[in-house]
Amino acid sequence: MYADPTHLRTKIIKVRLNDDERDLVDALARINKTQPAVLLRDLVLQGLALFEQGSEEKRVA
């Protein structure tokens, strides 16, 4: 099915949002023509990449 089975996403993390936060996620997902879960996963991965980049810069300094 997958050329590389490590690309299969099977790990689940749940996040609880209030109504306003969920409405914002839904609106952003509609604007970007994607699913809310995909939008949040992409945002988390981008945030982790920035966090990792900042950690590397601190180690060099």
PDB file of N, CA and C in Angstrom:
ATOM      1  N   MET A   1       0.822  -1.180   0.000  1.00  0.00           N
ATOM      2  CA  MET A   1       0.000   0.000   0.000  1.00  0.00           C
ATOM      3  C   MET A   1       0.873   1.254   0.000  1.00  0.00           C
ATOM      4  N   TYR A   2       1.782   1.368   0.960  1.00  0.00           N
ATOM      5  CA  TYR A   2       2.698   2.506   1.024  1.00  0.00           C
ATOM      6  C   TYR A   2       4.091   2.033   0.622  1.00  0.00           C
ATOM      7  N   ALA A   3       4.764   2.835  -0.189  1.00  0.00           N
ATOM      8  CA  ALA A   3       6.129   2.499  -0.564  1.00  0.00           C
ATOM      9  C   ALA A   3       7.019   2.481   0.674  1.00  0.00           C
ATOM     10  N   ASP A   4       6.776   3.407   1.586  1.00  0.00           N
ATOM     11  CA  ASP A   4       7.532   3.480   2.836  1.00  0.00           C
ATOM     12  C   ASP A   4       6.539   3.429   3.994  1.00  0.00           C
ATOM     13  N   PRO A   5       6.465   2.296   4.708  1.00  0.00           N
ATOM     14  CA  PRO A   5       5.473   2.166   5.773  1.00  0.00           C
ATOM     15  C   PRO A   5       5.637   3.173   6.909  1.00  0.00           C
ATOM     16  N   THR A   6       6.791   3.826   7.025  1.00  0.00           N
ATOM     17  CA  THR A   6       6.959   4.823   8.081  1.00  0.00           C
ATOM     18  C   THR A   6       6.141   6.083   7.797  1.00  0.00           C
ATOM     19  N   HIS A   7       5.660   6.243   6.563  1.00  0.00           N
ATOM     20  CA  HIS A   7       4.829   7.397   6.222  1.00  0.00           C
ATOM     21  C   HIS A   7       3.390   7.234   6.703  1.00  0.00           C
ATOM     22  N   LEU A   8       3.019   6.033   7.102  1.00  0.00           N
ATOM     23  CA  LEU A   8       1.681   5.784   7.615  1.00  0.00           C
ATOM     24  C   LEU A   8       1.552   6.417   8.994  1.00  0.00           C
ATOM     25  N   ARG A   9       0.545   7.250   9.164  1.00  0.00           N
ATOM     26  CA  ARG A   9       0.362   7.961  10.440  1.00  0.00           C
ATOM     27  C   ARG A   9      -0.655   7.216  11.286  1.00  0.00           C
ATOM     28  N   THR A  10      -0.180   6.569  12.353  1.00  0.00           N
ATOM     29  CA  THR A  10      -1.060   5.773  13.206  1.00  0.00           C
ATOM     30  C   THR A  10      -1.090   6.265  14.652  1.00  0.00           C
ATOM     31  N   LYS A  11      -0.258   7.208  14.997  1.00  0.00           N
ATOM     32  CA  LYS A  11      -0.190   7.707  16.376  1.00  0.00           C
ATOM     33  C   LYS A  11      -1.190   8.845  16.560  1.00  0.00           C
ATOM     34  N   ILE A  12      -1.940   8.819  17.653  1.00  0.00           N
ATOM     35  CA  ILE A  12      -3.005   9.789  17.893  1.00  0.00           C
ATOM     36  C   ILE A  12      -2.689  10.630  19.124  1.00  0.00           C
ATOM     37  N   ILE A  13      -2.874  11.935  18.990  1.00  0.00           N
ATOM     38  CA  ILE A  13      -2.811  12.863  20.117  1.00  0.00           C
ATOM     39  C   ILE A  13      -4.089  13.690  20.056  1.00  0.00           C
ATOM     40  N   LYS A  14      -4.791  13.766  21.170  1.00  0.00           N
ATOM     41  CA  LYS A  14      -6.039  14.530  21.202  1.00  0.00           C
ATOM     42  C   LYS A  14      -5.794  15.912  21.787  1.00  0.00           C
ATOM     43  N   VAL A  15      -6.507  16.880  21.238  1.00  0.00           N
ATOM     44  CA  VAL A  15      -6.430  18.259  21.704  1.00  0.00           C
ATOM     45  C   VAL A  15      -7.853  18.734  21.972  1.00  0.00           C
ATOM     46  N   ARG A  16      -8.057  19.341  23.107  1.00  0.00           N
ATOM     47  CA  ARG A  16      -9.386  19.867  23.445  1.00  0.00           C
ATOM     48  C   ARG A  16      -9.396  21.380  23.232  1.00  0.00           C
ATOM     49  N   LEU A  17     -10.395  21.847  22.482  1.00  0.00           N
ATOM     50  CA  LEU A  17     -10.534  23.262  22.159  1.00  0.00           C
ATOM     51  C   LEU A  17     -11.877  23.771  22.659  1.00  0.00           C
ATOM     52  N   ASN A  18     -11.956  25.075  22.903  1.00  0.00           N
ATOM     53  CA  ASN A  18     -13.263  25.647  23.217  1.00  0.00           C
ATOM     54  C   ASN A  18     -13.973  25.991  21.899  1.00  0.00           C
ATOM     55  N   ASP A  19     -15.195  26.478  21.988  1.00  0.00           N
ATOM     56  CA  ASP A  19     -15.983  26.742  20.778  1.00  0.00           C
ATOM     57  C   ASP A  19     -15.309  27.750  19.853  1.00  0.00           C
ATOM     58  N   ASP A  20     -14.778  28.827  20.417  1.00  0.00           N
ATOM     59  CA  ASP A  20     -14.136  29.852  19.590  1.00  0.00           C
ATOM     60  C   ASP A  20     -12.893  29.312  18.885  1.00  0.00           C
ATOM     61  N   GLU A  21     -12.093  28.547  19.600  1.00  0.00           N
ATOM     62  CA  GLU A  21     -10.884  27.965  19.003  1.00  0.00           C
ATOM     63  C   GLU A  21     -11.253  26.999  17.883  1.00  0.00           C
ATOM     64  N   ARG A  22     -12.260  26.181  18.115  1.00  0.00           N
ATOM     65  CA  ARG A  22     -12.688  25.226  17.086  1.00  0.00           C
ATOM     66  C   ARG A  22     -13.242  25.957  15.869  1.00  0.00           C
ATOM     67  N   ASP A  23     -14.017  27.017  16.095  1.00  0.00           N
ATOM     68  CA  ASP A  23     -14.543  27.805  14.975  1.00  0.00           C
ATOM     69  C   ASP A  23     -13.409  28.396  14.147  1.00  0.00           C
ATOM     70  N   LEU A  24     -12.362  28.863  14.807  1.00  0.00           N
ATOM     71  CA  LEU A  24     -11.209  29.420  14.106  1.00  0.00           C
ATOM     72  C   LEU A  24     -10.510  28.349  13.272  1.00  0.00           C
ATOM     73  N   VAL A  25     -10.311  27.178  13.851  1.00  0.00           N
ATOM     74  CA  VAL A  25      -9.683  26.075  13.116  1.00  0.00           C
ATOM     75  C   VAL A  25     -10.527  25.710  11.900  1.00  0.00           C
ATOM     76  N   ASP A  26     -11.834  25.600  12.090  1.00  0.00           N
ATOM     77  CA  ASP A  26     -12.721  25.253  10.972  1.00  0.00           C
ATOM     78  C   ASP A  26     -12.670  26.309   9.872  1.00  0.00           C
ATOM     79  N   ALA A  27     -12.659  27.581  10.264  1.00  0.00           N
ATOM     80  CA  ALA A  27     -12.602  28.661   9.276  1.00  0.00           C
ATOM     81  C   ALA A  27     -11.287  28.626   8.499  1.00  0.00           C
ATOM     82  N   LEU A  28     -10.185  28.440   9.209  1.00  0.00           N
ATOM     83  CA  LEU A  28      -8.881  28.364   8.531  1.00  0.00           C
ATOM     84  C   LEU A  28      -8.801  27.156   7.611  1.00  0.00           C
ATOM     85  N   ALA A  29      -9.392  26.055   8.024  1.00  0.00           N
ATOM     86  CA  ALA A  29      -9.401  24.859   7.180  1.00  0.00           C
ATOM     87  C   ALA A  29     -10.211  25.116   5.910  1.00  0.00           C
ATOM     88  N   ARG A  30     -11.357  25.774   6.041  1.00  0.00           N
ATOM     89  CA  ARG A  30     -12.170  26.097   4.856  1.00  0.00           C
ATOM     90  C   ARG A  30     -11.413  27.026   3.921  1.00  0.00           C
ATOM     91  N   ILE A  31     -10.773  28.058   4.475  1.00  0.00           N
ATOM     92  CA  ILE A  31     -10.017  29.009   3.656  1.00  0.00           C
ATOM     93  C   ILE A  31      -8.913  28.292   2.888  1.00  0.00           C
ATOM     94  N   ASN A  32      -8.245  27.344   3.551  1.00  0.00           N
ATOM     95  CA  ASN A  32      -7.129  26.619   2.934  1.00  0.00           C
ATOM     96  C   ASN A  32      -7.562  25.356   2.206  1.00  0.00           C
ATOM     97  N   LYS A  33      -8.885  25.122   2.161  1.00  0.00           N
ATOM     98  CA  LYS A  33      -9.450  23.967   1.455  1.00  0.00           C
ATOM     99  C   LYS A  33      -8.807  22.654   1.903  1.00  0.00           C
ATOM    100  N   THR A  34      -8.809  22.457   3.215  1.00  0.00           N
ATOM    101  CA  THR A  34      -8.257  21.237   3.790  1.00  0.00           C
ATOM    102  C   THR A  34      -9.106  20.820   4.980  1.00  0.00           C
ATOM    103  N   GLN A  35      -8.806  19.678   5.531  1.00  0.00           N
ATOM    104  CA  GLN A  35      -9.511  19.199   6.709  1.00  0.00           C
ATOM    105  C   GLN A  35      -8.883  19.813   7.958  1.00  0.00           C
ATOM    106  N   PRO A  36      -9.693  20.044   8.995  1.00  0.00           N
ATOM    107  CA  PRO A  36      -9.149  20.636  10.222  1.00  0.00           C
ATOM    108  C   PRO A  36      -7.982  19.840  10.810  1.00  0.00           C
ATOM    109  N   ALA A  37      -8.077  18.530  10.821  1.00  0.00           N
ATOM    110  CA  ALA A  37      -6.997  17.717  11.395  1.00  0.00           C
ATOM    111  C   ALA A  37      -5.707  17.860  10.590  1.00  0.00           C
ATOM    112  N   VAL A  38      -5.833  17.933   9.271  1.00  0.00           N
ATOM    113  CA  VAL A  38      -4.651  18.095   8.419  1.00  0.00           C
ATOM    114  C   VAL A  38      -4.022  19.465   8.660  1.00  0.00           C
ATOM    115  N   LEU A  39      -4.857  20.485   8.758  1.00  0.00           N
ATOM    116  CA  LEU A  39      -4.364  21.832   9.041  1.00  0.00           C
ATOM    117  C   LEU A  39      -3.586  21.863  10.350  1.00  0.00           C
ATOM    118  N   LEU A  40      -4.167  21.300  11.404  1.00  0.00           N
ATOM    119  CA  LEU A  40      -3.495  21.309  12.707  1.00  0.00           C
ATOM    120  C   LEU A  40      -2.218  20.486  12.693  1.00  0.00           C
ATOM    121  N   ARG A  41      -2.226  19.332  12.006  1.00  0.00           N
ATOM    122  CA  ARG A  41      -1.005  18.527  11.924  1.00  0.00           C
ATOM    123  C   ARG A  41       0.100  19.317  11.232  1.00  0.00           C
ATOM    124  N   ASP A  42      -0.240  19.987  10.127  1.00  0.00           N
ATOM    125  CA  ASP A  42       0.760  20.780   9.415  1.00  0.00           C
ATOM    126  C   ASP A  42       1.299  21.915  10.288  1.00  0.00           C
ATOM    127  N   LEU A  43       0.404  22.571  11.032  1.00  0.00           N
ATOM    128  CA  LEU A  43       0.846  23.649  11.922  1.00  0.00           C
ATOM    129  C   LEU A  43       1.760  23.128  13.026  1.00  0.00           C
ATOM    130  N   VAL A  44       1.425  21.983  13.583  1.00  0.00           N
ATOM    131  CA  VAL A  44       2.265  21.387  14.632  1.00  0.00           C
ATOM    132  C   VAL A  44       3.637  21.037  14.072  1.00  0.00           C
ATOM    133  N   LEU A  45       3.679  20.426  12.897  1.00  0.00           N
ATOM    134  CA  LEU A  45       4.968  20.049  12.304  1.00  0.00           C
ATOM    135  C   LEU A  45       5.809  21.284  11.983  1.00  0.00           C
ATOM    136  N   GLN A  46       5.172  22.358  11.503  1.00  0.00           N
ATOM    137  CA  GLN A  46       5.901  23.604  11.255  1.00  0.00           C
ATOM    138  C   GLN A  46       6.439  24.187  12.557  1.00  0.00           C
ATOM    139  N   GLY A  47       5.624  24.160  13.593  1.00  0.00           N
ATOM    140  CA  GLY A  47       6.054  24.664  14.898  1.00  0.00           C
ATOM    141  C   GLY A  47       7.212  23.865  15.461  1.00  0.00           C
ATOM    142  N   LEU A  48       7.154  22.549  15.306  1.00  0.00           N
ATOM    143  CA  LEU A  48       8.247  21.705  15.787  1.00  0.00           C
ATOM    144  C   LEU A  48       9.536  21.986  15.026  1.00  0.00           C
ATOM    145  N   ALA A  49       9.423  22.221  13.718  1.00  0.00           N
ATOM    146  CA  ALA A  49      10.607  22.537  12.923  1.00  0.00           C
ATOM    147  C   ALA A  49      11.226  23.857  13.383  1.00  0.00           C
ATOM    148  N   LEU A  50      10.386  24.862  13.658  1.00  0.00           N
ATOM    149  CA  LEU A  50      10.899  26.140  14.157  1.00  0.00           C
ATOM    150  C   LEU A  50      11.532  25.983  15.533  1.00  0.00           C
ATOM    151  N   PHE A  51      10.897  25.192  16.383  1.00  0.00           N
ATOM    152  CA  PHE A  51      11.425  24.941  17.725  1.00  0.00           C
ATOM    153  C   PHE A  51      12.789  24.264  17.634  1.00  0.00           C
ATOM    154  N   GLU A  52      12.888  23.270  16.755  1.00  0.00           N
ATOM    155  CA  GLU A  52      14.151  22.553  16.574  1.00  0.00           C
ATOM    156  C   GLU A  52      15.227  23.489  16.033  1.00  0.00           C
ATOM    157  N   GLN A  53      14.861  24.337  15.085  1.00  0.00           N
ATOM    158  CA  GLN A  53      15.805  25.290  14.512  1.00  0.00           C
ATOM    159  C   GLN A  53      16.312  26.254  15.587  1.00  0.00           C
ATOM    160  N   GLY A  54      15.425  26.736  16.444  1.00  0.00           N
ATOM    161  CA  GLY A  54      15.827  27.632  17.526  1.00  0.00           C
ATOM    162  C   GLY A  54      16.742  26.946  18.516  1.00  0.00           C
ATOM    163  N   SER A  55      16.489  25.670  18.788  1.00  0.00           N
ATOM    164  CA  SER A  55      17.338  24.916  19.711  1.00  0.00           C
ATOM    165  C   SER A  55      18.739  24.748  19.148  1.00  0.00           C
ATOM    166  N   GLU A  56      18.833  24.514  17.834  1.00  0.00           N
ATOM    167  CA  GLU A  56      20.146  24.353  17.205  1.00  0.00           C
ATOM    168  C   GLU A  56      20.924  25.663  17.246  1.00  0.00           C
ATOM    169  N   GLU A  57      20.227  26.787  17.041  1.00  0.00           N
ATOM    170  CA  GLU A  57      20.901  28.088  17.069  1.00  0.00           C
ATOM    171  C   GLU A  57      21.431  28.392  18.465  1.00  0.00           C
ATOM    172  N   LYS A  58      20.702  27.999  19.498  1.00  0.00           N
ATOM    173  CA  LYS A  58      21.155  28.227  20.870  1.00  0.00           C
ATOM    174  C   LYS A  58      22.387  27.391  21.190  1.00  0.00           C
ATOM    175  N   ARG A  59      22.451  26.171  20.640  1.00  0.00           N
ATOM    176  CA  ARG A  59      23.611  25.309  20.891  1.00  0.00           C
ATOM    177  C   ARG A  59      24.866  25.873  20.247  1.00  0.00           C
ATOM    178  N   VAL A  60      24.717  26.499  19.082  1.00  0.00           N
ATOM    179  CA  VAL A  60      25.864  27.060  18.371  1.00  0.00           C
ATOM    180  C   VAL A  60      26.365  28.312  19.081  1.00  0.00           C
ATOM    181  N   ALA A  61      25.483  29.093  19.637  1.00  0.00           N
ATOM    182  CA  ALA A  61      25.848  30.373  20.266  1.00  0.00           C
ATOM    183  C   ALA A  61      26.628  30.211  21.527  1.00  0.00           C
TER     184      ALA A  61
END
